[in-house]
Amino acid sequence: MHCQICNGQTELFDVVDFNKSCEENRGFFLPLSGIPIFYSQCVSCKFTFAPEFAKWSEKDFLEKIYNDKYIEIDPDYLEVRPQASAQFLKQMFPDQKASVRHLDYGGGNGRLSQLLRQDGWDSETYDPFPSSDTRLADLGKFNLITAFEVFEHVPDVTELMQNLTQLMAADCLVLFSTLVSDGNIKANTRITWWYASPRNGHISLFSKQSLLLLANKYQLNFGSFSDGLHCYWTQVPHWAKHIIK
């Protein structure tokens, strides 16, 4: 199997139980499911992924991961995370909202966009999962796209990047959050990193090198504000020059 990002060779890396969840980082453990989930890793760019999920249908994901019990292993996704993200964007762009056409990609229930619209932003939400009648082509172009806690959930990185680049205006900033695996997934060491959690749908784990190679592949610029917050951009929008030097 070849890497989705750099086309390098991948190798079987480790296996975890399907019920491994992010809430283990807070001391909450689900009972073992007895279902092994194998992760593979690219020997070149260190992109780490669970090949099993490429075979899953949308119905599989809805029944086994994004079901009524999902809130048990991600209690922040309904309100806490959207509130924090809205506050973050308002602080990052305190005087720029009139210049921004914003899309929250992978926005789930749309709460982040709702909060921003209440503050006067031109904000829309789009989630490719589950499938809807909304077509990307009907959305138009945006000069700010957020994808918070999205990248790690996608089984098809190529589809994600094609969607994002289709939605990007000529001058566009994409802000996205995903924790990088550098220092957290190591050779000859079992995967104990809390973020590698199939029960949460964390099936694609990126090294910083793999994120950079993705940028190069789609002719984008790349930068990181931290190990968890990153950006892609085409041309820097004039209203974002205070954060992209």
Protein backbone atom coordinates (compact mmCIF):
# COMPACT_ATOMS: atom_id res chain seq x y z
CA MET A 1 0.00 0.00 0.00
CA HIS A 2 1.28 3.44 -0.91
CA CYS A 3 0.96 6.62 1.16
CA GLN A 4 -1.93 8.90 0.20
CA ILE A 5 0.28 11.94 0.74
CA CYS A 6 3.73 11.21 -0.70
CA ASN A 7 3.16 7.88 -2.47
CA GLY A 8 5.86 6.32 -0.30
CA GLN A 9 5.80 2.78 0.98
CA THR A 10 3.77 2.11 4.13
CA GLU A 11 4.30 -0.56 6.76
CA LEU A 12 2.09 -2.05 9.42
CA PHE A 13 2.95 -0.13 12.59
CA ASP A 14 0.79 -1.13 15.57
CA VAL A 15 -2.65 -2.24 16.70
CA VAL A 16 -5.06 -0.81 19.29
CA ASP A 17 -8.53 -1.78 20.48
CA PHE A 18 -11.43 -0.12 18.66
CA ASN A 19 -12.72 1.35 21.94
CA LYS A 20 -9.54 3.34 22.59
CA SER A 21 -10.89 6.87 22.94
CA CYS A 22 -9.64 10.40 23.53
CA GLU A 23 -11.35 10.46 26.92
CA GLU A 24 -8.62 8.13 28.18
CA ASN A 25 -6.58 11.34 28.42
CA ARG A 26 -9.06 12.40 31.14
CA GLY A 27 -9.09 9.03 32.87
CA PHE A 28 -12.26 7.60 31.29
CA PHE A 29 -11.89 4.16 29.72
CA LEU A 30 -14.45 2.24 27.69
CA PRO A 31 -14.57 -1.55 28.05
CA LEU A 32 -12.39 -3.34 25.53
CA SER A 33 -14.30 -4.21 22.37
CA GLY A 34 -12.03 -7.05 21.28
CA ILE A 35 -11.92 -5.49 17.79
CA PRO A 36 -8.34 -4.84 16.62
CA ILE A 37 -7.64 -1.68 14.64
CA PHE A 38 -4.31 -1.70 12.85
CA TYR A 39 -2.41 1.48 12.05
CA SER A 40 0.08 1.68 9.20
CA GLN A 41 2.77 4.31 8.75
CA CYS A 42 4.52 5.80 5.74
CA VAL A 43 8.24 5.10 6.02
CA SER A 44 8.97 8.45 4.35
CA CYS A 45 6.63 11.19 5.62
CA LYS A 46 5.43 9.32 8.77
CA PHE A 47 1.75 9.76 7.99
CA THR A 48 0.01 7.18 10.20
CA PHE A 49 -3.42 5.83 9.33
CA ALA A 50 -5.88 3.00 9.89
CA PRO A 51 -6.48 1.30 6.50
CA GLU A 52 -9.57 -0.55 7.75
CA PHE A 53 -11.69 2.59 7.60
CA ALA A 54 -11.14 3.11 3.89
CA LYS A 55 -13.45 0.11 3.44
CA TRP A 56 -16.23 1.49 5.62
CA SER A 57 -19.44 2.90 4.21
CA GLU A 58 -21.11 6.03 5.55
CA LYS A 59 -23.60 3.71 7.25
CA ASP A 60 -20.74 1.94 9.05
CA PHE A 61 -19.39 5.22 10.42
CA LEU A 62 -22.81 6.38 11.57
CA GLU A 63 -23.60 3.09 13.30
CA LYS A 64 -20.22 2.36 14.88
CA ILE A 65 -18.60 5.74 15.57
CA TYR A 66 -20.85 8.78 15.11
CA ASN A 67 -23.79 7.27 16.95
CA ASP A 68 -25.83 8.33 19.99
CA LYS A 69 -22.97 7.36 22.31
CA TYR A 70 -20.39 9.55 20.59
CA ILE A 71 -20.91 12.30 23.15
CA GLU A 72 -19.50 9.96 25.82
CA ILE A 73 -16.08 10.05 24.20
CA ASP A 74 -16.22 13.64 22.90
CA PRO A 75 -18.40 15.64 25.30
CA ASP A 76 -17.00 18.99 24.07
CA TYR A 77 -18.06 18.78 20.43
CA LEU A 78 -21.61 20.09 20.84
CA GLU A 79 -20.96 23.35 22.70
CA VAL A 80 -17.60 23.73 24.46
CA ARG A 81 -15.45 23.45 21.33
CA PRO A 82 -17.61 25.69 19.09
CA GLN A 83 -17.73 28.35 21.81
CA ALA A 84 -13.96 28.24 22.21
CA SER A 85 -13.39 28.33 18.44
CA ALA A 86 -15.72 31.30 17.99
CA GLN A 87 -13.96 33.22 20.72
CA PHE A 88 -10.58 32.36 19.20
CA LEU A 89 -11.57 33.67 15.77
CA LYS A 90 -13.02 36.87 17.22
CA GLN A 91 -9.77 37.48 19.07
CA MET A 92 -7.60 36.63 16.07
CA PHE A 93 -9.58 38.90 13.74
CA PRO A 94 -11.07 41.57 16.02
CA ASP A 95 -11.55 44.18 13.29
CA GLN A 96 -11.60 42.11 10.11
CA LYS A 97 -15.00 40.39 10.03
CA ALA A 98 -16.37 42.79 7.40
CA SER A 99 -13.69 41.55 4.98
CA VAL A 100 -14.20 37.85 5.64
CA ARG A 101 -16.38 35.32 3.88
CA HIS A 102 -16.01 32.33 6.18
CA LEU A 103 -16.76 28.64 5.82
CA ASP A 104 -16.53 26.18 8.68
CA TYR A 105 -15.64 22.94 6.88
CA GLY A 106 -16.60 19.81 8.77
CA GLY A 107 -18.76 22.01 10.95
CA GLY A 108 -21.02 19.26 12.28
CA ASN A 109 -24.17 20.81 13.74
CA GLY A 110 -23.15 24.28 12.53
CA ARG A 111 -22.82 25.79 15.98
CA LEU A 112 -19.56 27.67 15.26
CA SER A 113 -21.02 29.45 12.25
CA GLN A 114 -24.17 30.22 14.20
CA LEU A 115 -22.15 31.91 16.93
CA LEU A 116 -20.14 33.92 14.41
CA ARG A 117 -23.25 35.06 12.54
CA GLN A 118 -24.69 36.29 15.82
CA ASP A 119 -21.60 38.51 16.02
CA GLY A 120 -22.09 39.86 12.50
CA TRP A 121 -19.82 37.54 10.52
CA ASP A 122 -20.61 36.29 7.03
CA SER A 123 -20.24 32.62 7.96
CA GLU A 124 -21.51 29.36 6.51
CA THR A 125 -21.06 25.75 7.55
CA TYR A 126 -20.54 22.63 5.47
CA ASP A 127 -19.99 19.05 6.50
CA PRO A 128 -19.34 16.35 3.88
CA PHE A 129 -20.47 13.73 6.38
CA PRO A 130 -23.14 12.55 6.36
CA SER A 131 -23.89 13.15 2.71
CA SER A 132 -26.28 15.99 1.96
CA ASP A 133 -27.87 17.58 -1.07
CA THR A 134 -25.54 20.58 -0.76
CA ARG A 135 -22.95 20.59 -3.54
CA LEU A 136 -19.53 22.19 -3.12
CA ALA A 137 -19.97 24.02 -6.39
CA ASP A 138 -23.07 25.75 -5.01
CA LEU A 139 -21.21 27.16 -2.02
CA GLY A 140 -18.89 29.44 -3.98
CA LYS A 141 -15.49 30.61 -2.79
CA PHE A 142 -14.32 31.70 0.65
CA ASN A 143 -11.35 33.71 1.86
CA LEU A 144 -11.34 32.11 5.32
CA ILE A 145 -11.95 28.40 5.83
CA THR A 146 -11.72 26.71 9.20
CA ALA A 147 -11.42 22.96 9.66
CA PHE A 148 -11.15 22.42 13.39
CA GLU A 149 -10.62 18.79 14.44
CA VAL A 150 -11.38 17.51 10.95
CA PHE A 151 -8.16 16.24 9.37
CA GLU A 152 -7.73 13.33 11.78
CA HIS A 153 -11.23 12.04 10.98
CA VAL A 154 -10.90 11.61 7.22
CA PRO A 155 -10.15 8.23 5.61
CA ASP A 156 -9.49 9.89 2.24
CA VAL A 157 -6.98 12.74 2.50
CA THR A 158 -7.09 13.35 -1.25
CA GLU A 159 -10.82 14.03 -1.16
CA LEU A 160 -10.37 16.41 1.78
CA MET A 161 -7.71 18.46 0.01
CA GLN A 162 -9.59 18.53 -3.29
CA ASN A 163 -12.67 19.81 -1.47
CA LEU A 164 -10.75 22.51 0.39
CA THR A 165 -8.90 23.77 -2.67
CA GLN A 166 -12.17 23.88 -4.63
CA LEU A 167 -13.63 26.16 -1.96
CA MET A 168 -10.62 28.48 -1.65
CA ALA A 169 -10.69 31.94 -3.20
CA ALA A 170 -7.56 33.27 -4.90
CA ASP A 171 -6.61 34.90 -1.60
CA CYS A 172 -7.64 32.45 1.10
CA LEU A 173 -6.49 31.33 4.51
CA VAL A 174 -7.33 27.85 5.80
CA LEU A 175 -7.02 27.50 9.56
CA PHE A 176 -7.13 23.91 10.77
CA SER A 177 -6.45 22.07 13.98
CA THR A 178 -5.02 18.60 14.34
CA LEU A 179 -2.32 17.47 16.72
CA VAL A 180 0.87 16.40 14.96
CA SER A 181 2.32 13.00 15.74
CA ASP A 182 5.94 14.19 16.00
CA GLY A 183 7.33 12.86 19.28
CA ASN A 184 4.05 11.11 20.08
CA ILE A 185 4.35 8.14 17.73
CA LYS A 186 7.83 6.65 17.76
CA ALA A 187 9.52 3.79 15.95
CA ASN A 188 9.76 0.52 17.91
CA THR A 189 7.29 1.85 20.47
CA ARG A 190 3.65 0.91 20.96
CA ILE A 191 1.01 3.54 20.23
CA THR A 192 -0.10 4.89 23.59
CA TRP A 193 -0.79 8.45 22.40
CA TRP A 194 -4.30 9.42 23.51
CA TYR A 195 -5.04 11.13 20.19
CA ALA A 196 -4.75 7.84 18.29
CA SER A 197 -8.29 6.82 19.13
CA PRO A 198 -10.40 4.88 16.64
CA ARG A 199 -13.56 5.16 18.78
CA ASN A 200 -13.39 8.92 18.20
CA GLY A 201 -12.81 8.37 14.50
CA HIS A 202 -9.18 9.49 14.73
CA ILE A 203 -7.97 7.43 11.83
CA SER A 204 -5.47 9.75 10.08
CA LEU A 205 -2.55 11.05 12.14
CA PHE A 206 -0.27 13.61 10.55
CA SER A 207 3.36 14.42 11.10
CA LYS A 208 4.39 18.01 10.41
CA GLN A 209 6.33 16.75 7.39
CA SER A 210 3.20 15.12 5.96
CA LEU A 211 1.23 18.37 6.34
CA LEU A 212 4.02 20.25 4.53
CA LEU A 213 4.06 17.70 1.71
CA LEU A 214 0.29 18.04 1.36
CA ALA A 215 0.75 21.79 0.96
CA ASN A 216 3.38 21.28 -1.72
CA LYS A 217 1.20 18.73 -3.52
CA TYR A 218 -1.65 21.23 -3.82
CA GLN A 219 0.56 24.28 -4.40
CA LEU A 220 -0.25 25.86 -1.05
CA ASN A 221 1.86 27.57 1.58
CA PHE A 222 2.01 25.99 5.03
CA GLY A 223 2.69 27.23 8.54
CA SER A 224 2.03 26.20 12.12
CA PHE A 225 1.14 28.33 15.11
CA SER A 226 1.60 25.36 17.46
CA ASP A 227 1.62 21.55 17.42
CA GLY A 228 -2.15 21.64 17.11
CA LEU A 229 -2.99 24.72 14.99
CA HIS A 230 -1.89 25.13 11.39
CA CYS A 231 -2.69 27.04 8.24
CA TYR A 232 -2.62 26.70 4.49
CA TRP A 233 -2.90 29.69 2.22
CA THR A 234 -2.75 30.75 -1.40
CA GLN A 235 -2.14 34.48 -1.32
CA VAL A 236 -2.37 36.06 2.11
CA PRO A 237 -5.63 38.01 2.36
CA HIS A 238 -5.01 41.66 3.21
CA TRP A 239 -7.01 41.30 6.42
CA ALA A 240 -4.79 38.41 7.61
CA LYS A 241 -1.38 40.01 7.17
CA HIS A 242 -1.12 40.61 10.89
CA ILE A 243 -0.87 36.85 11.51
CA ILE A 244 0.97 35.68 8.35
CA LYS A 245 4.21 37.62 8.09
